[in-house]
Amino acid sequence: TLKDAHFNVKGRCLYALWYAIKIGEVN
């Protein structure tokens, strides 16, 4: 879904996703 985003944004969004899994916001 981030195909048009800059690679730095993609990396930060993936980091945010793993963090959300860590804290239970994403299961």
mmCIF file of all heavy atoms, coordinates in Angstrom:
data_MODEL
# 
_entry.id   MODEL 
# 
loop_
_atom_site.group_PDB 
_atom_site.id 
_atom_site.type_symbol 
_atom_site.label_atom_id 
_atom_site.label_alt_id 
_atom_site.label_comp_id 
_atom_site.label_asym_id 
_atom_site.label_entity_id 
_atom_site.label_seq_id 
_atom_site.pdbx_PDB_ins_code 
_atom_site.Cartn_x 
_atom_site.Cartn_y 
_atom_site.Cartn_z 
_atom_site.occupancy 
_atom_site.B_iso_or_equiv 
_atom_site.pdbx_formal_charge 
_atom_site.auth_seq_id 
_atom_site.auth_comp_id 
_atom_site.auth_asym_id 
_atom_site.auth_atom_id 
_atom_site.pdbx_PDB_model_num 
ATOM 1   N N   . THR A 1 1  ? 0.831  -1.213 0.000  1.00 0.00 ? 1  THR A N   1 
ATOM 2   C CA  . THR A 1 1  ? 0.000  0.000  0.000  1.00 0.00 ? 1  THR A CA  1 
ATOM 3   C C   . THR A 1 1  ? 0.864  1.261  0.000  1.00 0.00 ? 1  THR A C   1 
ATOM 4   O O   . THR A 1 1  ? 0.359  2.348  -0.266 1.00 0.00 ? 1  THR A O   1 
ATOM 5   C CB  . THR A 1 1  ? -0.945 0.054  1.225  1.00 0.00 ? 1  THR A CB  1 
ATOM 6   O OG1 . THR A 1 1  ? -0.177 0.232  2.412  1.00 0.00 ? 1  THR A OG1 1 
ATOM 7   C CG2 . THR A 1 1  ? -1.802 -1.194 1.315  1.00 0.00 ? 1  THR A CG2 1 
ATOM 8   N N   . LEU A 1 2  ? 2.147  1.105  0.281  1.00 0.00 ? 2  LEU A N   1 
ATOM 9   C CA  . LEU A 1 2  ? 3.079  2.240  0.335  1.00 0.00 ? 2  LEU A CA  1 
ATOM 10  C C   . LEU A 1 2  ? 3.952  2.319  -0.910 1.00 0.00 ? 2  LEU A C   1 
ATOM 11  O O   . LEU A 1 2  ? 4.986  2.964  -0.900 1.00 0.00 ? 2  LEU A O   1 
ATOM 12  C CB  . LEU A 1 2  ? 3.991  2.106  1.568  1.00 0.00 ? 2  LEU A CB  1 
ATOM 13  C CG  . LEU A 1 2  ? 3.314  1.958  2.920  1.00 0.00 ? 2  LEU A CG  1 
ATOM 14  C CD1 . LEU A 1 2  ? 4.335  1.646  3.993  1.00 0.00 ? 2  LEU A CD1 1 
ATOM 15  C CD2 . LEU A 1 2  ? 2.520  3.201  3.262  1.00 0.00 ? 2  LEU A CD2 1 
ATOM 16  N N   . LYS A 1 3  ? 3.511  1.685  -1.991 1.00 0.00 ? 3  LYS A N   1 
ATOM 17  C CA  . LYS A 1 3  ? 4.360  1.549  -3.185 1.00 0.00 ? 3  LYS A CA  1 
ATOM 18  C C   . LYS A 1 3  ? 4.854  2.889  -3.734 1.00 0.00 ? 3  LYS A C   1 
ATOM 19  O O   . LYS A 1 3  ? 5.929  2.971  -4.296 1.00 0.00 ? 3  LYS A O   1 
ATOM 20  C CB  . LYS A 1 3  ? 3.655  0.743  -4.266 1.00 0.00 ? 3  LYS A CB  1 
ATOM 21  C CG  . LYS A 1 3  ? 2.416  1.403  -4.840 1.00 0.00 ? 3  LYS A CG  1 
ATOM 22  C CD  . LYS A 1 3  ? 1.794  0.539  -5.922 1.00 0.00 ? 3  LYS A CD  1 
ATOM 23  C CE  . LYS A 1 3  ? 0.622  1.247  -6.521 1.00 0.00 ? 3  LYS A CE  1 
ATOM 24  N NZ  . LYS A 1 3  ? -0.649 0.726  -6.262 1.00 0.00 ? 3  LYS A NZ  1 
ATOM 25  N N   . ASP A 1 4  ? 4.101  3.956  -3.545 1.00 0.00 ? 4  ASP A N   1 
ATOM 26  C CA  . ASP A 1 4  ? 4.508  5.261  -4.064 1.00 0.00 ? 4  ASP A CA  1 
ATOM 27  C C   . ASP A 1 4  ? 5.292  6.088  -3.040 1.00 0.00 ? 4  ASP A C   1 
ATOM 28  O O   . ASP A 1 4  ? 5.760  7.177  -3.361 1.00 0.00 ? 4  ASP A O   1 
ATOM 29  C CB  . ASP A 1 4  ? 3.283  6.060  -4.525 1.00 0.00 ? 4  ASP A CB  1 
ATOM 30  C CG  . ASP A 1 4  ? 2.589  5.377  -5.697 1.00 0.00 ? 4  ASP A CG  1 
ATOM 31  O OD1 . ASP A 1 4  ? 3.285  4.708  -6.482 1.00 0.00 ? 4  ASP A OD1 1 
ATOM 32  O OD2 . ASP A 1 4  ? 1.362  5.500  -5.806 1.00 0.00 ? 4  ASP A OD2 1 
ATOM 33  N N   . ALA A 1 5  ? 5.438  5.573  -1.827 1.00 0.00 ? 5  ALA A N   1 
ATOM 34  C CA  . ALA A 1 5  ? 6.124  6.328  -0.773 1.00 0.00 ? 5  ALA A CA  1 
ATOM 35  C C   . ALA A 1 5  ? 7.640  6.210  -0.933 1.00 0.00 ? 5  ALA A C   1 
ATOM 36  O O   . ALA A 1 5  ? 8.158  5.231  -1.494 1.00 0.00 ? 5  ALA A O   1 
ATOM 37  C CB  . ALA A 1 5  ? 5.702  5.812  0.596  1.00 0.00 ? 5  ALA A CB  1 
ATOM 38  N N   . HIS A 1 6  ? 8.353  7.188  -0.432 1.00 0.00 ? 6  HIS A N   1 
ATOM 39  C CA  . HIS A 1 6  ? 9.817  7.173  -0.416 1.00 0.00 ? 6  HIS A CA  1 
ATOM 40  C C   . HIS A 1 6  ? 10.272 6.003  0.458  1.00 0.00 ? 6  HIS A C   1 
ATOM 41  O O   . HIS A 1 6  ? 9.605  5.642  1.429  1.00 0.00 ? 6  HIS A O   1 
ATOM 42  C CB  . HIS A 1 6  ? 10.333 8.506  0.140  1.00 0.00 ? 6  HIS A CB  1 
ATOM 43  C CG  . HIS A 1 6  ? 11.804 8.673  0.012  1.00 0.00 ? 6  HIS A CG  1 
ATOM 44  N ND1 . HIS A 1 6  ? 12.679 8.213  0.958  1.00 0.00 ? 6  HIS A ND1 1 
ATOM 45  C CD2 . HIS A 1 6  ? 12.555 9.249  -0.965 1.00 0.00 ? 6  HIS A CD2 1 
ATOM 46  C CE1 . HIS A 1 6  ? 13.916 8.496  0.592  1.00 0.00 ? 6  HIS A CE1 1 
ATOM 47  N NE2 . HIS A 1 6  ? 13.860 9.133  -0.583 1.00 0.00 ? 6  HIS A NE2 1 
ATOM 48  N N   . PHE A 1 7  ? 11.429 5.410  0.142  1.00 0.00 ? 7  PHE A N   1 
ATOM 49  C CA  . PHE A 1 7  ? 11.868 4.224  0.877  1.00 0.00 ? 7  PHE A CA  1 
ATOM 50  C C   . PHE A 1 7  ? 12.081 4.513  2.361  1.00 0.00 ? 7  PHE A C   1 
ATOM 51  O O   . PHE A 1 7  ? 11.894 3.636  3.205  1.00 0.00 ? 7  PHE A O   1 
ATOM 52  C CB  . PHE A 1 7  ? 13.118 3.589  0.249  1.00 0.00 ? 7  PHE A CB  1 
ATOM 53  C CG  . PHE A 1 7  ? 14.389 4.337  0.468  1.00 0.00 ? 7  PHE A CG  1 
ATOM 54  C CD1 . PHE A 1 7  ? 15.209 4.029  1.539  1.00 0.00 ? 7  PHE A CD1 1 
ATOM 55  C CD2 . PHE A 1 7  ? 14.795 5.331  -0.408 1.00 0.00 ? 7  PHE A CD2 1 
ATOM 56  C CE1 . PHE A 1 7  ? 16.392 4.716  1.756  1.00 0.00 ? 7  PHE A CE1 1 
ATOM 57  C CE2 . PHE A 1 7  ? 15.973 6.020  -0.200 1.00 0.00 ? 7  PHE A CE2 1 
ATOM 58  C CZ  . PHE A 1 7  ? 16.774 5.725  0.879  1.00 0.00 ? 7  PHE A CZ  1 
ATOM 59  N N   . ASN A 1 8  ? 12.448 5.750  2.747  1.00 0.00 ? 8  ASN A N   1 
ATOM 60  C CA  . ASN A 1 8  ? 12.579 6.089  4.167  1.00 0.00 ? 8  ASN A CA  1 
ATOM 61  C C   . ASN A 1 8  ? 11.228 6.022  4.871  1.00 0.00 ? 8  ASN A C   1 
ATOM 62  O O   . ASN A 1 8  ? 11.142 5.574  6.013  1.00 0.00 ? 8  ASN A O   1 
ATOM 63  C CB  . ASN A 1 8  ? 13.176 7.491  4.337  1.00 0.00 ? 8  ASN A CB  1 
ATOM 64  C CG  . ASN A 1 8  ? 14.664 7.510  4.084  1.00 0.00 ? 8  ASN A CG  1 
ATOM 65  O OD1 . ASN A 1 8  ? 15.330 6.486  4.144  1.00 0.00 ? 8  ASN A OD1 1 
ATOM 66  N ND2 . ASN A 1 8  ? 15.187 8.687  3.783  1.00 0.00 ? 8  ASN A ND2 1 
ATOM 67  N N   . VAL A 1 9  ? 10.178 6.472  4.203  1.00 0.00 ? 9  VAL A N   1 
ATOM 68  C CA  . VAL A 1 9  ? 8.835  6.412  4.772  1.00 0.00 ? 9  VAL A CA  1 
ATOM 69  C C   . VAL A 1 9  ? 8.408  4.954  4.913  1.00 0.00 ? 9  VAL A C   1 
ATOM 70  O O   . VAL A 1 9  ? 7.838  4.557  5.938  1.00 0.00 ? 9  VAL A O   1 
ATOM 71  C CB  . VAL A 1 9  ? 7.825  7.214  3.917  1.00 0.00 ? 9  VAL A CB  1 
ATOM 72  C CG1 . VAL A 1 9  ? 6.391  6.992  4.388  1.00 0.00 ? 9  VAL A CG1 1 
ATOM 73  C CG2 . VAL A 1 9  ? 8.186  8.694  3.927  1.00 0.00 ? 9  VAL A CG2 1 
ATOM 74  N N   . LYS A 1 10 ? 8.705  4.153  3.903  1.00 0.00 ? 10 LYS A N   1 
ATOM 75  C CA  . LYS A 1 10 ? 8.364  2.727  3.975  1.00 0.00 ? 10 LYS A CA  1 
ATOM 76  C C   . LYS A 1 10 ? 9.032  2.078  5.187  1.00 0.00 ? 10 LYS A C   1 
ATOM 77  O O   . LYS A 1 10 ? 8.404  1.328  5.929  1.00 0.00 ? 10 LYS A O   1 
ATOM 78  C CB  . LYS A 1 10 ? 8.800  2.005  2.698  1.00 0.00 ? 10 LYS A CB  1 
ATOM 79  C CG  . LYS A 1 10 ? 7.974  2.359  1.492  1.00 0.00 ? 10 LYS A CG  1 
ATOM 80  C CD  . LYS A 1 10 ? 8.497  1.615  0.264  1.00 0.00 ? 10 LYS A CD  1 
ATOM 81  C CE  . LYS A 1 10 ? 7.736  2.020  -0.981 1.00 0.00 ? 10 LYS A CE  1 
ATOM 82  N NZ  . LYS A 1 10 ? 8.219  1.335  -2.180 1.00 0.00 ? 10 LYS A NZ  1 
ATOM 83  N N   . GLY A 1 11 ? 10.309 2.377  5.374  1.00 0.00 ? 11 GLY A N   1 
ATOM 84  C CA  . GLY A 1 11 ? 11.044 1.803  6.513  1.00 0.00 ? 11 GLY A CA  1 
ATOM 85  C C   . GLY A 1 11 ? 10.454 2.232  7.843  1.00 0.00 ? 11 GLY A C   1 
ATOM 86  O O   . GLY A 1 11 ? 10.307 1.417  8.764  1.00 0.00 ? 11 GLY A O   1 
ATOM 87  N N   . ARG A 1 12 ? 10.092 3.517  7.961  1.00 0.00 ? 12 ARG A N   1 
ATOM 88  C CA  . ARG A 1 12 ? 9.508  4.009  9.212  1.00 0.00 ? 12 ARG A CA  1 
ATOM 89  C C   . ARG A 1 12 ? 8.120  3.414  9.449  1.00 0.00 ? 12 ARG A C   1 
ATOM 90  O O   . ARG A 1 12 ? 7.740  3.137  10.592 1.00 0.00 ? 12 ARG A O   1 
ATOM 91  C CB  . ARG A 1 12 ? 9.474  5.536  9.208  1.00 0.00 ? 12 ARG A CB  1 
ATOM 92  C CG  . ARG A 1 12 ? 10.873 6.150  9.308  1.00 0.00 ? 12 ARG A CG  1 
ATOM 93  C CD  . ARG A 1 12 ? 10.839 7.632  9.623  1.00 0.00 ? 12 ARG A CD  1 
ATOM 94  N NE  . ARG A 1 12 ? 10.064 8.428  8.693  1.00 0.00 ? 12 ARG A NE  1 
ATOM 95  C CZ  . ARG A 1 12 ? 10.556 9.050  7.625  1.00 0.00 ? 12 ARG A CZ  1 
ATOM 96  N NH1 . ARG A 1 12 ? 11.825 8.951  7.347  1.00 0.00 ? 12 ARG A NH1 1 
ATOM 97  N NH2 . ARG A 1 12 ? 9.772  9.773  6.853  1.00 0.00 ? 12 ARG A NH2 1 
ATOM 98  N N   . CYS A 1 13 ? 7.363  3.208  8.385  1.00 0.00 ? 13 CYS A N   1 
ATOM 99  C CA  . CYS A 1 13 ? 6.041  2.592  8.528  1.00 0.00 ? 13 CYS A CA  1 
ATOM 100 C C   . CYS A 1 13 ? 6.150  1.118  8.935  1.00 0.00 ? 13 CYS A C   1 
ATOM 101 O O   . CYS A 1 13 ? 5.365  0.635  9.752  1.00 0.00 ? 13 CYS A O   1 
ATOM 102 C CB  . CYS A 1 13 ? 5.225  2.744  7.247  1.00 0.00 ? 13 CYS A CB  1 
ATOM 103 S SG  . CYS A 1 13 ? 4.593  4.418  6.987  1.00 0.00 ? 13 CYS A SG  1 
ATOM 104 N N   . LEU A 1 14 ? 7.122  0.418  8.370  1.00 0.00 ? 14 LEU A N   1 
ATOM 105 C CA  . LEU A 1 14 ? 7.325  -0.981 8.772  1.00 0.00 ? 14 LEU A CA  1 
ATOM 106 C C   . LEU A 1 14 ? 7.764  -1.045 10.232 1.00 0.00 ? 14 LEU A C   1 
ATOM 107 O O   . LEU A 1 14 ? 7.294  -1.901 10.998 1.00 0.00 ? 14 LEU A O   1 
ATOM 108 C CB  . LEU A 1 14 ? 8.350  -1.667 7.861  1.00 0.00 ? 14 LEU A CB  1 
ATOM 109 C CG  . LEU A 1 14 ? 8.570  -3.156 8.135  1.00 0.00 ? 14 LEU A CG  1 
ATOM 110 C CD1 . LEU A 1 14 ? 7.275  -3.951 7.994  1.00 0.00 ? 14 LEU A CD1 1 
ATOM 111 C CD2 . LEU A 1 14 ? 9.645  -3.710 7.204  1.00 0.00 ? 14 LEU A CD2 1 
ATOM 112 N N   . TYR A 1 15 ? 8.653  -0.137 10.632 1.00 0.00 ? 15 TYR A N   1 
ATOM 113 C CA  . TYR A 1 15 ? 9.071  -0.062 12.039 1.00 0.00 ? 15 TYR A CA  1 
ATOM 114 C C   . TYR A 1 15 ? 7.844  0.159  12.921 1.00 0.00 ? 15 TYR A C   1 
ATOM 115 O O   . TYR A 1 15 ? 7.664  -0.516 13.951 1.00 0.00 ? 15 TYR A O   1 
ATOM 116 C CB  . TYR A 1 15 ? 10.076 1.083  12.224 1.00 0.00 ? 15 TYR A CB  1 
ATOM 117 C CG  . TYR A 1 15 ? 10.746 1.098  13.577 1.00 0.00 ? 15 TYR A CG  1 
ATOM 118 C CD1 . TYR A 1 15 ? 12.025 0.589  13.736 1.00 0.00 ? 15 TYR A CD1 1 
ATOM 119 C CD2 . TYR A 1 15 ? 10.096 1.634  14.690 1.00 0.00 ? 15 TYR A CD2 1 
ATOM 120 C CE1 . TYR A 1 15 ? 12.651 0.609  14.976 1.00 0.00 ? 15 TYR A CE1 1 
ATOM 121 C CE2 . TYR A 1 15 ? 10.716 1.651  15.930 1.00 0.00 ? 15 TYR A CE2 1 
ATOM 122 C CZ  . TYR A 1 15 ? 11.986 1.145  16.072 1.00 0.00 ? 15 TYR A CZ  1 
ATOM 123 O OH  . TYR A 1 15 ? 12.591 1.152  17.306 1.00 0.00 ? 15 TYR A OH  1 
ATOM 124 N N   . ALA A 1 16 ? 6.977  1.079  12.525 1.00 0.00 ? 16 ALA A N   1 
ATOM 125 C CA  . ALA A 1 16 ? 5.760  1.373  13.286 1.00 0.00 ? 16 ALA A CA  1 
ATOM 126 C C   . ALA A 1 16 ? 4.857  0.138  13.373 1.00 0.00 ? 16 ALA A C   1 
ATOM 127 O O   . ALA A 1 16 ? 4.244  -0.119 14.414 1.00 0.00 ? 16 ALA A O   1 
ATOM 128 C CB  . ALA A 1 16 ? 5.004  2.542  12.653 1.00 0.00 ? 16 ALA A CB  1 
ATOM 129 N N   . LEU A 1 17 ? 4.796  -0.635 12.293 1.00 0.00 ? 17 LEU A N   1 
ATOM 130 C CA  . LEU A 1 17 ? 3.976  -1.850 12.287 1.00 0.00 ? 17 LEU A CA  1 
ATOM 131 C C   . LEU A 1 17 ? 4.505  -2.868 13.296 1.00 0.00 ? 17 LEU A C   1 
ATOM 132 O O   . LEU A 1 17 ? 3.744  -3.422 14.089 1.00 0.00 ? 17 LEU A O   1 
ATOM 133 C CB  . LEU A 1 17 ? 3.933  -2.462 10.886 1.00 0.00 ? 17 LEU A CB  1 
ATOM 134 C CG  . LEU A 1 17 ? 3.185  -3.794 10.762 1.00 0.00 ? 17 LEU A CG  1 
ATOM 135 C CD1 . LEU A 1 17 ? 1.707  -3.616 11.108 1.00 0.00 ? 17 LEU A CD1 1 
ATOM 136 C CD2 . LEU A 1 17 ? 3.335  -4.351 9.357  1.00 0.00 ? 17 LEU A CD2 1 
ATOM 137 N N   . TRP A 1 18 ? 5.812  -3.118 13.280 1.00 0.00 ? 18 TRP A N   1 
ATOM 138 C CA  . TRP A 1 18 ? 6.382  -4.086 14.237 1.00 0.00 ? 18 TRP A CA  1 
ATOM 139 C C   . TRP A 1 18 ? 6.189  -3.589 15.667 1.00 0.00 ? 18 TRP A C   1 
ATOM 140 O O   . TRP A 1 18 ? 5.887  -4.373 16.569 1.00 0.00 ? 18 TRP A O   1 
ATOM 141 C CB  . TRP A 1 18 ? 7.860  -4.343 13.953 1.00 0.00 ? 18 TRP A CB  1 
ATOM 142 C CG  . TRP A 1 18 ? 8.154  -5.065 12.670 1.00 0.00 ? 18 TRP A CG  1 
ATOM 143 C CD1 . TRP A 1 18 ? 9.026  -4.676 11.704 1.00 0.00 ? 18 TRP A CD1 1 
ATOM 144 C CD2 . TRP A 1 18 ? 7.589  -6.310 12.199 1.00 0.00 ? 18 TRP A CD2 1 
ATOM 145 N NE1 . TRP A 1 18 ? 9.035  -5.582 10.664 1.00 0.00 ? 18 TRP A NE1 1 
ATOM 146 C CE2 . TRP A 1 18 ? 8.160  -6.592 10.951 1.00 0.00 ? 18 TRP A CE2 1 
ATOM 147 C CE3 . TRP A 1 18 ? 6.649  -7.192 12.707 1.00 0.00 ? 18 TRP A CE3 1 
ATOM 148 C CZ2 . TRP A 1 18 ? 7.846  -7.724 10.207 1.00 0.00 ? 18 TRP A CZ2 1 
ATOM 149 C CZ3 . TRP A 1 18 ? 6.322  -8.332 11.969 1.00 0.00 ? 18 TRP A CZ3 1 
ATOM 150 C CH2 . TRP A 1 18 ? 6.908  -8.581 10.733 1.00 0.00 ? 18 TRP A CH2 1 
ATOM 151 N N   . TYR A 1 19 ? 6.328  -2.292 15.870 1.00 0.00 ? 19 TYR A N   1 
ATOM 152 C CA  . TYR A 1 19 ? 6.098  -1.729 17.203 1.00 0.00 ? 19 TYR A CA  1 
ATOM 153 C C   . TYR A 1 19 ? 4.636  -1.936 17.624 1.00 0.00 ? 19 TYR A C   1 
ATOM 154 O O   . TYR A 1 19 ? 4.355  -2.294 18.771 1.00 0.00 ? 19 TYR A O   1 
ATOM 155 C CB  . TYR A 1 19 ? 6.461  -0.237 17.244 1.00 0.00 ? 19 TYR A CB  1 
ATOM 156 C CG  . TYR A 1 19 ? 6.185  0.376  18.593 1.00 0.00 ? 19 TYR A CG  1 
ATOM 157 C CD1 . TYR A 1 19 ? 7.024  0.115  19.675 1.00 0.00 ? 19 TYR A CD1 1 
ATOM 158 C CD2 . TYR A 1 19 ? 5.063  1.175  18.796 1.00 0.00 ? 19 TYR A CD2 1 
ATOM 159 C CE1 . TYR A 1 19 ? 6.750  0.651  20.925 1.00 0.00 ? 19 TYR A CE1 1 
ATOM 160 C CE2 . TYR A 1 19 ? 4.788  1.717  20.041 1.00 0.00 ? 19 TYR A CE2 1 
ATOM 161 C CZ  . TYR A 1 19 ? 5.637  1.456  21.107 1.00 0.00 ? 19 TYR A CZ  1 
ATOM 162 O OH  . TYR A 1 19 ? 5.357  1.980  22.343 1.00 0.00 ? 19 TYR A OH  1 
ATOM 163 N N   . ALA A 1 20 ? 3.700  -1.728 16.707 1.00 0.00 ? 20 ALA A N   1 
ATOM 164 C CA  . ALA A 1 20 ? 2.280  -1.916 17.018 1.00 0.00 ? 20 ALA A CA  1 
ATOM 165 C C   . ALA A 1 20 ? 1.978  -3.377 17.377 1.00 0.00 ? 20 ALA A C   1 
ATOM 166 O O   . ALA A 1 20 ? 1.142  -3.651 18.241 1.00 0.00 ? 20 ALA A O   1 
ATOM 167 C CB  . ALA A 1 20 ? 1.419  -1.462 15.846 1.00 0.00 ? 20 ALA A CB  1 
ATOM 168 N N   . ILE A 1 21 ? 2.663  -4.303 16.722 1.00 0.00 ? 21 ILE A N   1 
ATOM 169 C CA  . ILE A 1 21 ? 2.510  -5.717 17.082 1.00 0.00 ? 21 ILE A CA  1 
ATOM 170 C C   . ILE A 1 21 ? 3.067  -5.939 18.482 1.00 0.00 ? 21 ILE A C   1 
ATOM 171 O O   . ILE A 1 21 ? 2.460  -6.629 19.311 1.00 0.00 ? 21 ILE A O   1 
ATOM 172 C CB  . ILE A 1 21 ? 3.189  -6.629 16.039 1.00 0.00 ? 21 ILE A CB  1 
ATOM 173 C CG1 . ILE A 1 21 ? 2.426  -6.556 14.702 1.00 0.00 ? 21 ILE A CG1 1 
ATOM 174 C CG2 . ILE A 1 21 ? 3.272  -8.071 16.542 1.00 0.00 ? 21 ILE A CG2 1 
ATOM 175 C CD1 . ILE A 1 21 ? 3.118  -7.231 13.540 1.00 0.00 ? 21 ILE A CD1 1 
ATOM 176 N N   . LYS A 1 22 ? 4.202  -5.342 18.768 1.00 0.00 ? 22 LYS A N   1 
ATOM 177 C CA  . LYS A 1 22 ? 4.826  -5.482 20.092 1.00 0.00 ? 22 LYS A CA  1 
ATOM 178 C C   . LYS A 1 22 ? 3.886  -5.037 21.204 1.00 0.00 ? 22 LYS A C   1 
ATOM 179 O O   . LYS A 1 22 ? 3.756  -5.716 22.221 1.00 0.00 ? 22 LYS A O   1 
ATOM 180 C CB  . LYS A 1 22 ? 6.117  -4.662 20.146 1.00 0.00 ? 22 LYS A CB  1 
ATOM 181 C CG  . LYS A 1 22 ? 6.761  -4.605 21.514 1.00 0.00 ? 22 LYS A CG  1 
ATOM 182 C CD  . LYS A 1 22 ? 7.958  -3.678 21.520 1.00 0.00 ? 22 LYS A CD  1 
ATOM 183 C CE  . LYS A 1 22 ? 8.537  -3.538 22.905 1.00 0.00 ? 22 LYS A CE  1 
ATOM 184 N NZ  . LYS A 1 22 ? 9.708  -2.663 22.918 1.00 0.00 ? 22 LYS A NZ  1 
ATOM 185 N N   . ILE A 1 23 ? 3.212  -3.897 21.022 1.00 0.00 ? 23 ILE A N   1 
ATOM 186 C CA  . ILE A 1 23 ? 2.367  -3.355 22.100 1.00 0.00 ? 23 ILE A CA  1 
ATOM 187 C C   . ILE A 1 23 ? 0.920  -3.839 22.037 1.00 0.00 ? 23 ILE A C   1 
ATOM 188 O O   . ILE A 1 23 ? 0.102  -3.470 22.865 1.00 0.00 ? 23 ILE A O   1 
ATOM 189 C CB  . ILE A 1 23 ? 2.423  -1.813 22.139 1.00 0.00 ? 23 ILE A CB  1 
ATOM 190 C CG1 . ILE A 1 23 ? 1.810  -1.204 20.872 1.00 0.00 ? 23 ILE A CG1 1 
ATOM 191 C CG2 . ILE A 1 23 ? 3.844  -1.333 22.390 1.00 0.00 ? 23 ILE A CG2 1 
ATOM 192 C CD1 . ILE A 1 23 ? 1.593  0.299  20.972 1.00 0.00 ? 23 ILE A CD1 1 
ATOM 193 N N   . GLY A 1 24 ? 0.591  -4.658 21.031 1.00 0.00 ? 24 GLY A N   1 
ATOM 194 C CA  . GLY A 1 24 ? -0.740 -5.250 20.959 1.00 0.00 ? 24 GLY A CA  1 
ATOM 195 C C   . GLY A 1 24 ? -1.784 -4.423 20.240 1.00 0.00 ? 24 GLY A C   1 
ATOM 196 O O   . GLY A 1 24 ? -2.967 -4.765 20.280 1.00 0.00 ? 24 GLY A O   1 
ATOM 197 N N   . GLU A 1 25 ? -1.382 -3.361 19.556 1.00 0.00 ? 25 GLU A N   1 
ATOM 198 C CA  . GLU A 1 25 ? -2.336 -2.584 18.754 1.00 0.00 ? 25 GLU A CA  1 
ATOM 199 C C   . GLU A 1 25 ? -2.652 -3.296 17.445 1.00 0.00 ? 25 GLU A C   1 
ATOM 200 O O   . GLU A 1 25 ? -3.692 -3.086 16.839 1.00 0.00 ? 25 GLU A O   1 
ATOM 201 C CB  . GLU A 1 25 ? -1.782 -1.191 18.455 1.00 0.00 ? 25 GLU A CB  1 
ATOM 202 C CG  . GLU A 1 25 ? -1.713 -0.294 19.663 1.00 0.00 ? 25 GLU A CG  1 
ATOM 203 C CD  . GLU A 1 25 ? -3.084 0.118  20.167 1.00 0.00 ? 25 GLU A CD  1 
ATOM 204 O OE1 . GLU A 1 25 ? -3.931 0.495  19.342 1.00 0.00 ? 25 GLU A OE1 1 
ATOM 205 O OE2 . GLU A 1 25 ? -3.305 0.050  21.385 1.00 0.00 ? 25 GLU A OE2 1 
ATOM 206 N N   . VAL A 1 26 ? -1.718 -4.109 16.987 1.00 0.00 ? 26 VAL A N   1 
ATOM 207 C CA  . VAL A 1 26 ? -1.909 -4.989 15.835 1.00 0.00 ? 26 VAL A CA  1 
ATOM 208 C C   . VAL A 1 26 ? -1.613 -6.395 16.333 1.00 0.00 ? 26 VAL A C   1 
ATOM 209 O O   . VAL A 1 26 ? -0.629 -6.620 17.046 1.00 0.00 ? 26 VAL A O   1 
ATOM 210 C CB  . VAL A 1 26 ? -0.971 -4.608 14.667 1.00 0.00 ? 26 VAL A CB  1 
ATOM 211 C CG1 . VAL A 1 26 ? -1.065 -5.629 13.535 1.00 0.00 ? 26 VAL A CG1 1 
ATOM 212 C CG2 . VAL A 1 26 ? -1.308 -3.205 14.152 1.00 0.00 ? 26 VAL A CG2 1 
ATOM 213 N N   . ASN A 1 27 ? -2.467 -7.330 15.989 1.00 0.00 ? 27 ASN A N   1 
ATOM 214 C CA  . ASN A 1 27 ? -2.336 -8.698 16.482 1.00 0.00 ? 27 ASN A CA  1 
ATOM 215 C C   . ASN A 1 27 ? -1.909 -9.663 15.389 1.00 0.00 ? 27 ASN A C   1 
ATOM 216 O O   . ASN A 1 27 ? -2.071 -9.392 14.192 1.00 0.00 ? 27 ASN A O   1 
ATOM 217 C CB  . ASN A 1 27 ? -3.652 -9.186 17.076 1.00 0.00 ? 27 ASN A CB  1 
ATOM 218 C CG  . ASN A 1 27 ? -3.811 -8.791 18.513 1.00 0.00 ? 27 ASN A CG  1 
ATOM 219 O OD1 . ASN A 1 27 ? -2.832 -8.629 19.239 1.00 0.00 ? 27 ASN A OD1 1 
ATOM 220 N ND2 . ASN A 1 27 ? -5.048 -8.627 18.946 1.00 0.00 ? 27 ASN A ND2 1 
# 
